[in-house]
N, C-alpha and C. Protein backbone atom coordinates (compact mmCIF):
# COMPACT_ATOMS: atom_id res chain seq x y z
N MET A 1 30.43 -10.52 -19.50
CA MET A 1 29.21 -11.28 -19.51
C MET A 1 29.36 -12.52 -18.64
N ALA A 2 30.54 -13.16 -18.72
CA ALA A 2 30.78 -14.36 -17.94
C ALA A 2 30.78 -14.04 -16.44
N LYS A 3 31.32 -12.87 -16.08
CA LYS A 3 31.33 -12.46 -14.68
C LYS A 3 29.90 -12.30 -14.17
N LEU A 4 29.03 -11.73 -15.01
CA LEU A 4 27.65 -11.52 -14.63
C LEU A 4 26.96 -12.86 -14.35
N VAL A 5 27.21 -13.86 -15.18
CA VAL A 5 26.62 -15.18 -14.99
C VAL A 5 27.12 -15.80 -13.69
N VAL A 6 28.42 -15.66 -13.42
CA VAL A 6 29.00 -16.20 -12.18
C VAL A 6 28.37 -15.53 -10.97
N TYR A 7 28.23 -14.18 -11.01
CA TYR A 7 27.61 -13.47 -9.90
C TYR A 7 26.17 -13.92 -9.69
N LEU A 8 25.42 -14.09 -10.77
CA LEU A 8 24.03 -14.51 -10.65
C LEU A 8 23.93 -15.90 -10.04
N ILE A 9 24.80 -16.80 -10.43
CA ILE A 9 24.79 -18.15 -9.88
C ILE A 9 25.13 -18.11 -8.39
N CYS A 10 26.13 -17.30 -8.01
CA CYS A 10 26.50 -17.18 -6.59
C CYS A 10 25.33 -16.64 -5.77
N TYR A 11 24.65 -15.60 -6.28
CA TYR A 11 23.51 -15.05 -5.56
C TYR A 11 22.38 -16.07 -5.44
N LEU A 12 22.17 -16.85 -6.47
CA LEU A 12 21.13 -17.88 -6.45
C LEU A 12 21.45 -18.93 -5.39
N ILE A 13 22.70 -19.38 -5.33
CA ILE A 13 23.11 -20.39 -4.34
C ILE A 13 22.97 -19.83 -2.92
N LEU A 14 23.42 -18.59 -2.72
CA LEU A 14 23.28 -17.97 -1.40
C LEU A 14 21.82 -17.81 -1.01
N GLY A 15 21.00 -17.42 -1.97
CA GLY A 15 19.58 -17.23 -1.69
C GLY A 15 18.90 -18.53 -1.30
N ILE A 16 19.25 -19.63 -1.97
CA ILE A 16 18.65 -20.93 -1.65
C ILE A 16 19.13 -21.41 -0.29
N SER A 17 20.43 -21.24 0.00
CA SER A 17 20.96 -21.74 1.27
C SER A 17 20.43 -20.96 2.48
N PHE A 18 20.12 -19.68 2.30
CA PHE A 18 19.62 -18.88 3.42
C PHE A 18 18.11 -18.72 3.40
N ALA A 19 17.42 -19.35 2.45
CA ALA A 19 15.97 -19.19 2.35
C ALA A 19 15.28 -19.72 3.60
N GLU A 20 15.80 -20.81 4.15
CA GLU A 20 15.18 -21.38 5.35
C GLU A 20 15.28 -20.42 6.53
N SER A 21 16.42 -19.72 6.64
CA SER A 21 16.59 -18.80 7.76
C SER A 21 15.76 -17.53 7.58
N LEU A 22 15.33 -17.27 6.37
CA LEU A 22 14.52 -16.09 6.12
C LEU A 22 13.08 -16.29 6.59
N LEU A 23 12.64 -17.53 6.70
CA LEU A 23 11.28 -17.80 7.16
C LEU A 23 11.21 -17.52 8.65
N ALA A 24 10.07 -17.04 9.09
CA ALA A 24 9.91 -16.71 10.50
C ALA A 24 9.82 -17.99 11.32
N ALA A 25 10.76 -18.17 12.23
CA ALA A 25 10.76 -19.33 13.13
C ALA A 25 9.98 -18.96 14.39
N PRO A 26 9.35 -19.94 15.04
CA PRO A 26 8.62 -19.61 16.27
C PRO A 26 9.58 -19.16 17.37
N VAL A 27 9.12 -18.24 18.19
CA VAL A 27 9.91 -17.72 19.30
C VAL A 27 9.20 -18.15 20.59
N TYR A 28 10.01 -18.66 21.52
CA TYR A 28 9.46 -19.14 22.80
C TYR A 28 9.90 -18.20 23.91
N THR A 29 9.07 -18.10 24.93
CA THR A 29 9.39 -17.25 26.07
C THR A 29 9.08 -18.00 27.38
N TRP A 30 9.84 -17.69 28.41
CA TRP A 30 9.59 -18.23 29.75
C TRP A 30 10.25 -17.32 30.78
N THR A 31 9.77 -17.43 31.99
CA THR A 31 10.31 -16.64 33.10
C THR A 31 10.97 -17.60 34.08
N ASP A 32 12.22 -17.33 34.45
CA ASP A 32 12.92 -18.22 35.39
C ASP A 32 12.56 -17.88 36.84
N GLU A 33 13.20 -18.57 37.79
CA GLU A 33 12.88 -18.43 39.21
C GLU A 33 13.14 -17.02 39.74
N SER A 34 14.12 -16.33 39.16
CA SER A 34 14.44 -14.98 39.65
C SER A 34 13.62 -13.90 38.95
N GLY A 35 12.66 -14.27 38.08
CA GLY A 35 11.77 -13.31 37.43
C GLY A 35 12.28 -12.74 36.13
N VAL A 36 13.37 -13.28 35.60
CA VAL A 36 13.94 -12.79 34.34
C VAL A 36 13.21 -13.47 33.18
N VAL A 37 12.74 -12.66 32.22
CA VAL A 37 12.05 -13.19 31.05
C VAL A 37 13.08 -13.55 29.99
N HIS A 38 12.97 -14.77 29.45
CA HIS A 38 13.89 -15.26 28.42
C HIS A 38 13.13 -15.49 27.12
N TYR A 39 13.83 -15.27 25.99
CA TYR A 39 13.29 -15.55 24.67
C TYR A 39 14.26 -16.47 23.96
N SER A 40 13.72 -17.42 23.17
CA SER A 40 14.58 -18.35 22.46
C SER A 40 13.84 -18.88 21.24
N SER A 41 14.60 -19.33 20.25
CA SER A 41 13.99 -19.96 19.07
C SER A 41 13.85 -21.47 19.27
N THR A 42 14.38 -21.97 20.39
CA THR A 42 14.22 -23.39 20.72
C THR A 42 13.49 -23.49 22.06
N GLN A 43 12.76 -24.58 22.24
CA GLN A 43 11.99 -24.77 23.47
C GLN A 43 12.86 -25.49 24.48
N ASP A 44 13.77 -24.73 25.16
CA ASP A 44 14.75 -25.30 26.08
C ASP A 44 14.14 -25.64 27.45
N SER A 45 13.19 -24.90 27.85
CA SER A 45 12.61 -25.09 29.18
C SER A 45 11.22 -25.71 29.06
N LYS A 46 10.79 -26.43 30.12
CA LYS A 46 9.46 -27.02 30.12
C LYS A 46 8.40 -25.93 30.24
N ARG A 47 8.78 -24.78 30.80
CA ARG A 47 7.84 -23.67 30.96
C ARG A 47 7.76 -22.79 29.71
N ALA A 48 8.57 -23.06 28.69
CA ALA A 48 8.59 -22.22 27.49
C ALA A 48 7.29 -22.37 26.71
N LYS A 49 6.72 -21.24 26.35
CA LYS A 49 5.49 -21.21 25.57
C LYS A 49 5.74 -20.30 24.36
N PRO A 50 5.00 -20.52 23.30
CA PRO A 50 5.17 -19.63 22.13
C PRO A 50 4.89 -18.18 22.54
N ALA A 51 5.79 -17.30 22.16
CA ALA A 51 5.66 -15.88 22.51
C ALA A 51 4.61 -15.22 21.62
N GLU A 52 3.90 -14.29 22.20
CA GLU A 52 2.91 -13.53 21.42
C GLU A 52 3.61 -12.25 20.92
N LEU A 53 4.08 -12.32 19.70
CA LEU A 53 4.80 -11.19 19.10
C LEU A 53 3.94 -10.58 18.00
N PRO A 54 4.11 -9.31 17.77
CA PRO A 54 3.35 -8.70 16.66
C PRO A 54 3.84 -9.27 15.33
N GLU A 55 2.94 -9.32 14.38
CA GLU A 55 3.27 -9.84 13.07
C GLU A 55 4.22 -8.87 12.36
N ILE A 56 5.23 -9.43 11.75
CA ILE A 56 6.19 -8.60 11.01
C ILE A 56 5.61 -8.38 9.61
N ASN A 57 5.46 -7.13 9.26
CA ASN A 57 4.96 -6.81 7.92
C ASN A 57 5.68 -5.57 7.41
N ARG A 58 5.54 -5.34 6.17
CA ARG A 58 6.20 -4.17 5.61
C ARG A 58 5.26 -2.97 5.71
N GLY A 59 5.85 -1.85 5.89
CA GLY A 59 5.06 -0.63 6.00
C GLY A 59 4.54 -0.21 4.64
N GLU A 60 3.32 0.19 4.58
CA GLU A 60 2.73 0.68 3.34
C GLU A 60 2.83 2.20 3.35
N VAL A 61 3.88 2.71 2.77
CA VAL A 61 4.10 4.15 2.74
C VAL A 61 3.58 4.68 1.41
N LEU A 62 2.69 5.63 1.49
CA LEU A 62 2.16 6.24 0.29
C LEU A 62 3.09 7.35 -0.16
N ILE A 63 3.56 7.26 -1.37
CA ILE A 63 4.44 8.28 -1.91
C ILE A 63 3.60 9.16 -2.83
N LYS A 64 3.53 10.40 -2.47
CA LYS A 64 2.74 11.34 -3.25
C LYS A 64 3.47 11.67 -4.54
N LYS A 65 2.79 11.48 -5.64
CA LYS A 65 3.39 11.78 -6.93
C LYS A 65 3.45 13.29 -7.11
N THR A 66 4.66 13.79 -7.28
CA THR A 66 4.81 15.23 -7.45
C THR A 66 4.60 15.60 -8.91
N GLU A 67 3.93 16.68 -9.10
CA GLU A 67 3.67 17.15 -10.46
C GLU A 67 4.54 18.37 -10.71
N LEU A 68 5.37 18.29 -11.71
CA LEU A 68 6.25 19.41 -12.03
C LEU A 68 5.47 20.44 -12.83
N VAL A 69 5.44 21.64 -12.32
CA VAL A 69 4.71 22.72 -12.96
C VAL A 69 5.75 23.68 -13.53
N SER A 70 5.59 24.02 -14.81
CA SER A 70 6.56 24.92 -15.44
C SER A 70 5.90 26.25 -15.80
N CYS A 71 6.69 27.14 -16.31
CA CYS A 71 6.21 28.45 -16.75
C CYS A 71 5.82 28.44 -18.23
N ALA A 72 5.80 27.26 -18.86
CA ALA A 72 5.52 27.17 -20.29
C ALA A 72 4.16 27.79 -20.64
N ASP A 73 3.16 27.57 -19.81
CA ASP A 73 1.83 28.12 -20.08
C ASP A 73 1.62 29.50 -19.46
N HIS A 74 2.67 30.05 -18.90
CA HIS A 74 2.57 31.34 -18.20
C HIS A 74 3.53 32.38 -18.76
N GLY A 75 3.94 32.24 -19.99
CA GLY A 75 4.78 33.23 -20.65
C GLY A 75 6.26 33.04 -20.48
N GLY A 76 6.69 32.01 -19.79
CA GLY A 76 8.10 31.75 -19.59
C GLY A 76 8.58 32.25 -18.23
N ILE A 77 9.85 31.99 -17.94
CA ILE A 77 10.44 32.36 -16.66
C ILE A 77 10.90 33.81 -16.70
N ASP A 78 10.52 34.58 -15.69
CA ASP A 78 10.93 35.98 -15.58
C ASP A 78 12.03 36.10 -14.52
N CYS A 79 13.27 35.96 -14.94
CA CYS A 79 14.40 36.05 -14.00
C CYS A 79 14.56 37.45 -13.43
N GLN A 80 14.08 38.47 -14.16
CA GLN A 80 14.20 39.85 -13.67
C GLN A 80 13.34 40.07 -12.44
N ALA A 81 12.30 39.24 -12.22
CA ALA A 81 11.40 39.40 -11.08
C ALA A 81 12.00 38.84 -9.79
N GLY A 82 13.13 38.16 -9.89
CA GLY A 82 13.75 37.58 -8.71
C GLY A 82 13.12 36.24 -8.37
N SER A 83 13.41 35.75 -7.17
CA SER A 83 12.88 34.45 -6.78
C SER A 83 11.65 34.61 -5.92
N ASP A 84 10.84 33.55 -5.90
CA ASP A 84 9.66 33.49 -5.05
C ASP A 84 10.13 33.25 -3.61
N GLN A 85 9.23 33.29 -2.64
CA GLN A 85 9.61 33.09 -1.24
C GLN A 85 10.20 31.71 -1.00
N ASP A 86 9.76 30.71 -1.76
CA ASP A 86 10.27 29.35 -1.58
C ASP A 86 11.50 29.06 -2.43
N GLY A 87 12.03 30.06 -3.14
CA GLY A 87 13.23 29.88 -3.94
C GLY A 87 12.95 29.46 -5.37
N SER A 88 11.68 29.37 -5.75
CA SER A 88 11.35 29.00 -7.13
C SER A 88 11.28 30.25 -8.00
N VAL A 89 11.11 30.03 -9.29
CA VAL A 89 11.04 31.14 -10.25
C VAL A 89 9.64 31.75 -10.27
N ILE A 90 9.56 32.95 -10.81
CA ILE A 90 8.28 33.62 -11.03
C ILE A 90 8.10 33.72 -12.54
N CYS A 91 6.91 33.41 -13.02
CA CYS A 91 6.63 33.45 -14.46
C CYS A 91 6.28 34.88 -14.89
N TYR A 92 6.33 35.12 -16.21
CA TYR A 92 6.06 36.46 -16.73
C TYR A 92 4.66 36.96 -16.41
N ASP A 93 3.68 36.06 -16.29
CA ASP A 93 2.33 36.51 -15.95
C ASP A 93 2.10 36.61 -14.44
N GLY A 94 3.17 36.44 -13.64
CA GLY A 94 3.07 36.56 -12.20
C GLY A 94 2.80 35.25 -11.47
N PHE A 95 2.64 34.15 -12.21
CA PHE A 95 2.37 32.84 -11.60
C PHE A 95 3.56 32.44 -10.74
N ARG A 96 3.29 31.97 -9.51
CA ARG A 96 4.34 31.64 -8.55
C ARG A 96 4.37 30.16 -8.18
N GLY A 97 3.67 29.32 -8.89
CA GLY A 97 3.60 27.90 -8.53
C GLY A 97 4.55 27.00 -9.32
N ALA A 98 5.47 27.56 -10.07
CA ALA A 98 6.41 26.75 -10.86
C ALA A 98 7.41 26.05 -9.94
N THR A 99 7.90 24.90 -10.38
CA THR A 99 8.82 24.13 -9.55
C THR A 99 10.29 24.40 -9.85
N ALA A 100 10.60 25.06 -10.95
CA ALA A 100 12.00 25.34 -11.30
C ALA A 100 12.62 26.24 -10.24
N ARG A 101 13.86 25.95 -9.87
CA ARG A 101 14.57 26.70 -8.85
C ARG A 101 15.25 27.92 -9.48
N TYR A 102 15.05 29.08 -8.87
CA TYR A 102 15.63 30.32 -9.37
C TYR A 102 17.15 30.23 -9.39
N ARG A 103 17.71 29.66 -8.36
CA ARG A 103 19.17 29.58 -8.22
C ARG A 103 19.83 28.87 -9.40
N PHE A 104 19.17 27.83 -9.92
CA PHE A 104 19.77 27.06 -11.01
C PHE A 104 19.35 27.58 -12.38
N THR A 105 18.17 28.16 -12.47
CA THR A 105 17.64 28.59 -13.76
C THR A 105 18.10 29.99 -14.14
N CYS A 106 18.20 30.87 -13.17
CA CYS A 106 18.43 32.28 -13.50
C CYS A 106 19.80 32.82 -13.09
N ALA A 107 20.65 31.99 -12.56
CA ALA A 107 21.93 32.49 -12.07
C ALA A 107 23.01 32.56 -13.15
N SER A 108 22.82 31.88 -14.25
CA SER A 108 23.87 31.87 -15.27
C SER A 108 23.27 31.78 -16.67
N PRO A 109 23.99 32.26 -17.66
CA PRO A 109 23.51 32.16 -19.03
C PRO A 109 23.67 30.74 -19.56
N LYS A 110 23.00 30.45 -20.65
CA LYS A 110 23.14 29.16 -21.32
C LYS A 110 23.40 29.44 -22.79
N LEU A 111 24.63 29.20 -23.22
CA LEU A 111 25.03 29.49 -24.59
C LEU A 111 24.98 28.22 -25.43
N GLN A 112 24.41 28.35 -26.63
CA GLN A 112 24.30 27.23 -27.55
C GLN A 112 24.75 27.66 -28.94
N ILE A 113 25.51 26.79 -29.59
CA ILE A 113 25.88 27.04 -30.98
C ILE A 113 24.70 26.62 -31.84
N THR A 114 24.15 27.57 -32.58
CA THR A 114 22.97 27.26 -33.39
C THR A 114 23.28 27.08 -34.87
N ASP A 115 24.42 27.62 -35.33
CA ASP A 115 24.73 27.48 -36.75
C ASP A 115 26.22 27.66 -36.99
N VAL A 116 26.72 26.89 -37.94
CA VAL A 116 28.10 27.04 -38.40
C VAL A 116 28.02 27.23 -39.92
N SER A 117 28.56 28.32 -40.42
CA SER A 117 28.47 28.62 -41.84
C SER A 117 29.40 27.72 -42.66
N GLU A 118 29.20 27.76 -43.95
CA GLU A 118 30.10 27.07 -44.87
C GLU A 118 31.43 27.84 -44.90
N LEU A 119 32.48 27.17 -45.32
CA LEU A 119 33.78 27.83 -45.45
C LEU A 119 33.74 28.81 -46.62
N SER A 120 34.31 29.98 -46.41
CA SER A 120 34.39 30.94 -47.51
C SER A 120 35.63 30.62 -48.35
N GLN A 121 35.84 31.37 -49.41
CA GLN A 121 36.99 31.17 -50.31
C GLN A 121 38.32 31.26 -49.56
N ASP A 122 38.38 32.19 -48.59
CA ASP A 122 39.64 32.39 -47.86
C ASP A 122 39.76 31.48 -46.63
N GLY A 123 38.80 30.57 -46.41
CA GLY A 123 38.87 29.63 -45.30
C GLY A 123 38.24 30.12 -44.01
N SER A 124 37.61 31.28 -44.05
CA SER A 124 36.95 31.78 -42.83
C SER A 124 35.54 31.21 -42.73
N PHE A 125 34.99 31.23 -41.50
CA PHE A 125 33.62 30.78 -41.29
C PHE A 125 33.03 31.52 -40.10
N ARG A 126 31.70 31.52 -40.00
CA ARG A 126 30.99 32.20 -38.93
C ARG A 126 30.25 31.17 -38.07
N VAL A 127 30.20 31.47 -36.77
CA VAL A 127 29.47 30.62 -35.82
C VAL A 127 28.44 31.49 -35.12
N THR A 128 27.19 31.03 -35.14
CA THR A 128 26.11 31.76 -34.47
C THR A 128 25.86 31.12 -33.11
N VAL A 129 25.83 31.96 -32.07
CA VAL A 129 25.65 31.50 -30.69
C VAL A 129 24.43 32.19 -30.11
N ARG A 130 23.58 31.41 -29.46
CA ARG A 130 22.36 31.94 -28.84
C ARG A 130 22.44 31.80 -27.32
N ASN A 131 22.06 32.85 -26.62
CA ASN A 131 21.93 32.82 -25.16
C ASN A 131 20.46 32.54 -24.86
N SER A 132 20.15 31.38 -24.34
CA SER A 132 18.76 30.99 -24.13
C SER A 132 18.27 31.25 -22.71
N ARG A 133 18.98 32.08 -21.96
CA ARG A 133 18.53 32.44 -20.62
C ARG A 133 18.47 33.95 -20.48
N SER A 134 17.85 34.41 -19.41
CA SER A 134 17.67 35.84 -19.21
C SER A 134 18.81 36.47 -18.40
N VAL A 135 19.98 35.88 -18.49
CA VAL A 135 21.18 36.41 -17.83
C VAL A 135 22.21 36.71 -18.90
N GLU A 136 22.76 37.88 -18.87
CA GLU A 136 23.76 38.29 -19.86
C GLU A 136 25.03 37.46 -19.72
N ALA A 137 25.59 37.02 -20.84
CA ALA A 137 26.83 36.25 -20.84
C ALA A 137 28.01 37.21 -20.97
N ASN A 138 28.93 37.15 -20.01
CA ASN A 138 30.11 38.02 -20.01
C ASN A 138 31.31 37.30 -20.61
N SER A 139 32.07 38.00 -21.40
CA SER A 139 33.28 37.49 -22.05
C SER A 139 33.07 36.15 -22.73
N PRO A 140 32.09 36.05 -23.63
CA PRO A 140 31.89 34.78 -24.33
C PRO A 140 33.03 34.52 -25.31
N ALA A 141 33.30 33.25 -25.54
CA ALA A 141 34.35 32.87 -26.50
C ALA A 141 33.94 31.57 -27.17
N VAL A 142 34.20 31.50 -28.47
CA VAL A 142 34.02 30.26 -29.21
C VAL A 142 35.41 29.77 -29.56
N LEU A 143 35.68 28.54 -29.16
CA LEU A 143 37.00 27.94 -29.38
C LEU A 143 36.90 26.86 -30.45
N TYR A 144 37.76 26.96 -31.45
CA TYR A 144 37.80 26.00 -32.55
C TYR A 144 39.02 25.11 -32.37
N THR A 145 38.78 23.80 -32.39
CA THR A 145 39.87 22.83 -32.28
C THR A 145 40.05 22.17 -33.65
N PRO A 146 41.08 22.59 -34.41
CA PRO A 146 41.30 21.98 -35.72
C PRO A 146 41.82 20.54 -35.58
N ASP A 147 41.78 19.81 -36.68
CA ASP A 147 42.26 18.43 -36.65
C ASP A 147 43.72 18.37 -36.22
N GLN A 148 44.50 19.37 -36.64
CA GLN A 148 45.91 19.45 -36.24
C GLN A 148 46.18 20.88 -35.80
N GLY A 149 46.99 21.01 -34.77
CA GLY A 149 47.35 22.34 -34.31
C GLY A 149 46.62 22.74 -33.05
N PRO A 150 46.98 23.92 -32.53
CA PRO A 150 46.40 24.37 -31.26
C PRO A 150 44.97 24.90 -31.42
N GLU A 151 44.29 25.01 -30.28
CA GLU A 151 42.94 25.56 -30.24
C GLU A 151 42.98 27.04 -30.59
N VAL A 152 41.99 27.51 -31.35
CA VAL A 152 41.96 28.89 -31.81
C VAL A 152 40.68 29.55 -31.31
N SER A 153 40.80 30.79 -30.80
CA SER A 153 39.63 31.53 -30.34
C SER A 153 39.11 32.41 -31.48
N LEU A 154 37.80 32.35 -31.70
CA LEU A 154 37.19 33.14 -32.76
C LEU A 154 36.91 34.55 -32.23
N SER A 155 36.91 35.53 -33.14
CA SER A 155 36.62 36.90 -32.71
C SER A 155 35.11 37.10 -32.65
N GLY A 156 34.69 37.84 -31.62
CA GLY A 156 33.26 38.07 -31.43
C GLY A 156 33.01 39.13 -30.38
N PRO A 157 31.76 39.30 -29.96
CA PRO A 157 31.41 40.35 -29.01
C PRO A 157 31.92 40.06 -27.59
N GLU A 158 31.95 41.11 -26.77
CA GLU A 158 32.39 40.97 -25.39
C GLU A 158 31.26 40.51 -24.47
N LYS A 159 30.01 40.64 -24.92
CA LYS A 159 28.85 40.22 -24.14
C LYS A 159 27.77 39.71 -25.08
N ILE A 160 26.95 38.78 -24.56
CA ILE A 160 25.74 38.36 -25.28
C ILE A 160 24.60 38.58 -24.30
N GLY A 161 23.69 39.47 -24.67
CA GLY A 161 22.58 39.82 -23.79
C GLY A 161 21.60 38.68 -23.60
N ALA A 162 20.67 38.87 -22.68
CA ALA A 162 19.65 37.86 -22.40
C ALA A 162 18.83 37.59 -23.65
N PHE A 163 18.69 36.34 -24.00
CA PHE A 163 17.91 35.87 -25.15
C PHE A 163 18.39 36.48 -26.47
N GLU A 164 19.66 36.84 -26.56
CA GLU A 164 20.19 37.41 -27.79
C GLU A 164 21.03 36.40 -28.54
N VAL A 165 21.32 36.74 -29.79
CA VAL A 165 22.14 35.92 -30.66
C VAL A 165 23.37 36.73 -31.06
N ALA A 166 24.52 36.07 -31.13
CA ALA A 166 25.75 36.75 -31.53
C ALA A 166 26.49 35.91 -32.55
N GLU A 167 27.34 36.58 -33.32
CA GLU A 167 28.11 35.89 -34.34
C GLU A 167 29.60 36.01 -34.03
N PHE A 168 30.30 34.89 -34.22
CA PHE A 168 31.74 34.84 -34.02
C PHE A 168 32.37 34.49 -35.36
N LEU A 169 33.54 35.08 -35.63
CA LEU A 169 34.18 34.93 -36.94
C LEU A 169 35.56 34.29 -36.79
N PHE A 170 35.79 33.29 -37.61
CA PHE A 170 37.12 32.68 -37.70
C PHE A 170 37.76 33.21 -38.97
N THR A 171 38.88 33.90 -38.82
CA THR A 171 39.63 34.40 -39.96
C THR A 171 40.83 33.50 -40.15
N ALA A 172 40.88 32.85 -41.28
CA ALA A 172 41.92 31.86 -41.52
C ALA A 172 43.26 32.51 -41.79
N LYS A 173 44.28 31.86 -41.26
CA LYS A 173 45.65 32.22 -41.58
C LYS A 173 46.17 31.08 -42.44
N ASN A 174 47.26 31.26 -43.10
CA ASN A 174 47.77 30.24 -44.03
C ASN A 174 47.94 28.87 -43.37
N SER A 175 48.34 28.86 -42.11
CA SER A 175 48.65 27.59 -41.47
C SER A 175 47.41 26.84 -40.97
N ASP A 176 46.30 27.57 -40.74
CA ASP A 176 45.16 26.88 -40.15
C ASP A 176 43.87 27.00 -40.96
N ILE A 177 43.96 26.99 -42.25
CA ILE A 177 42.77 27.01 -43.09
C ILE A 177 42.12 25.62 -43.03
N PRO A 178 40.85 25.55 -42.60
CA PRO A 178 40.19 24.24 -42.56
C PRO A 178 40.02 23.68 -43.97
N LYS A 179 40.17 22.38 -44.10
CA LYS A 179 40.08 21.74 -45.41
C LYS A 179 38.63 21.40 -45.76
N GLU A 180 37.78 21.24 -44.75
CA GLU A 180 36.37 20.94 -44.99
C GLU A 180 35.53 21.69 -43.95
N LYS A 181 34.20 21.66 -44.12
CA LYS A 181 33.32 22.41 -43.23
C LYS A 181 33.55 22.01 -41.77
N VAL A 182 33.59 23.01 -40.92
CA VAL A 182 33.80 22.80 -39.49
C VAL A 182 32.48 22.29 -38.88
N THR A 183 32.60 21.31 -37.98
CA THR A 183 31.41 20.76 -37.32
C THR A 183 31.30 21.31 -35.90
N ILE A 184 30.13 21.18 -35.34
CA ILE A 184 29.91 21.64 -33.96
C ILE A 184 30.79 20.87 -32.99
N ALA A 185 31.13 19.64 -33.34
CA ALA A 185 31.99 18.83 -32.47
C ALA A 185 33.39 19.44 -32.33
N GLN A 186 33.80 20.27 -33.29
CA GLN A 186 35.12 20.91 -33.23
C GLN A 186 35.07 22.26 -32.53
N LEU A 187 33.89 22.67 -32.06
CA LEU A 187 33.72 23.98 -31.44
C LEU A 187 33.28 23.84 -29.99
N ASN A 188 33.68 24.81 -29.20
CA ASN A 188 33.28 24.85 -27.80
C ASN A 188 32.98 26.30 -27.45
N VAL A 189 31.85 26.53 -26.78
CA VAL A 189 31.49 27.89 -26.39
C VAL A 189 31.55 28.00 -24.87
N VAL A 190 32.22 29.06 -24.40
CA VAL A 190 32.40 29.30 -22.96
C VAL A 190 32.14 30.78 -22.68
N CYS A 191 31.98 31.10 -21.39
CA CYS A 191 31.90 32.51 -20.99
C CYS A 191 32.33 32.63 -19.54
N ALA A 192 32.57 33.85 -19.10
CA ALA A 192 33.09 34.07 -17.75
C ALA A 192 32.10 33.67 -16.66
N ASN A 193 30.80 33.84 -16.92
CA ASN A 193 29.80 33.50 -15.90
C ASN A 193 28.95 32.29 -16.28
N CYS A 194 29.47 31.46 -17.18
CA CYS A 194 28.78 30.21 -17.55
C CYS A 194 29.14 29.12 -16.54
N PRO A 195 28.20 28.18 -16.31
CA PRO A 195 28.53 27.09 -15.37
C PRO A 195 29.56 26.14 -15.93
């Protein structure tokens, strides 16, 4: 915080000291005996007259506000239809004006942990994973990181289809039985074609 105050004071002092130089000073022009035109901020010659220069102003650039159009009102994104000519997605009803890029939306699955069950008597638990994209997830894995010990991979399917849900099972061994309910923070979901 103290550094910020020091920086602000330095900028204020610099701004005040250079404020005079920021104002537009008059520019003088004259032509010498050999026909060379000179410009100066001081009136050095008796022939120097104020120069007629265009006024310095800032450009008024109009920035067009872009409107993001989604497939929400058009049945969702249809990744099976491929990309539009401009590289955007095509919606299920055939609408082609969406702004989402096919390359980023449809090239990989998106896996989310939606539920973690309570611990069973033997210390096992189930994790529900949802694929929220229309790309199949290959070799998905749910990794559990216990409070102590190495990371453990849960058993589950080899693929999760587009918009499908899958369940992964942790079978406890004597050494790694969780003492309390596992949280999502202790789990990580990955797959071979996930970003």
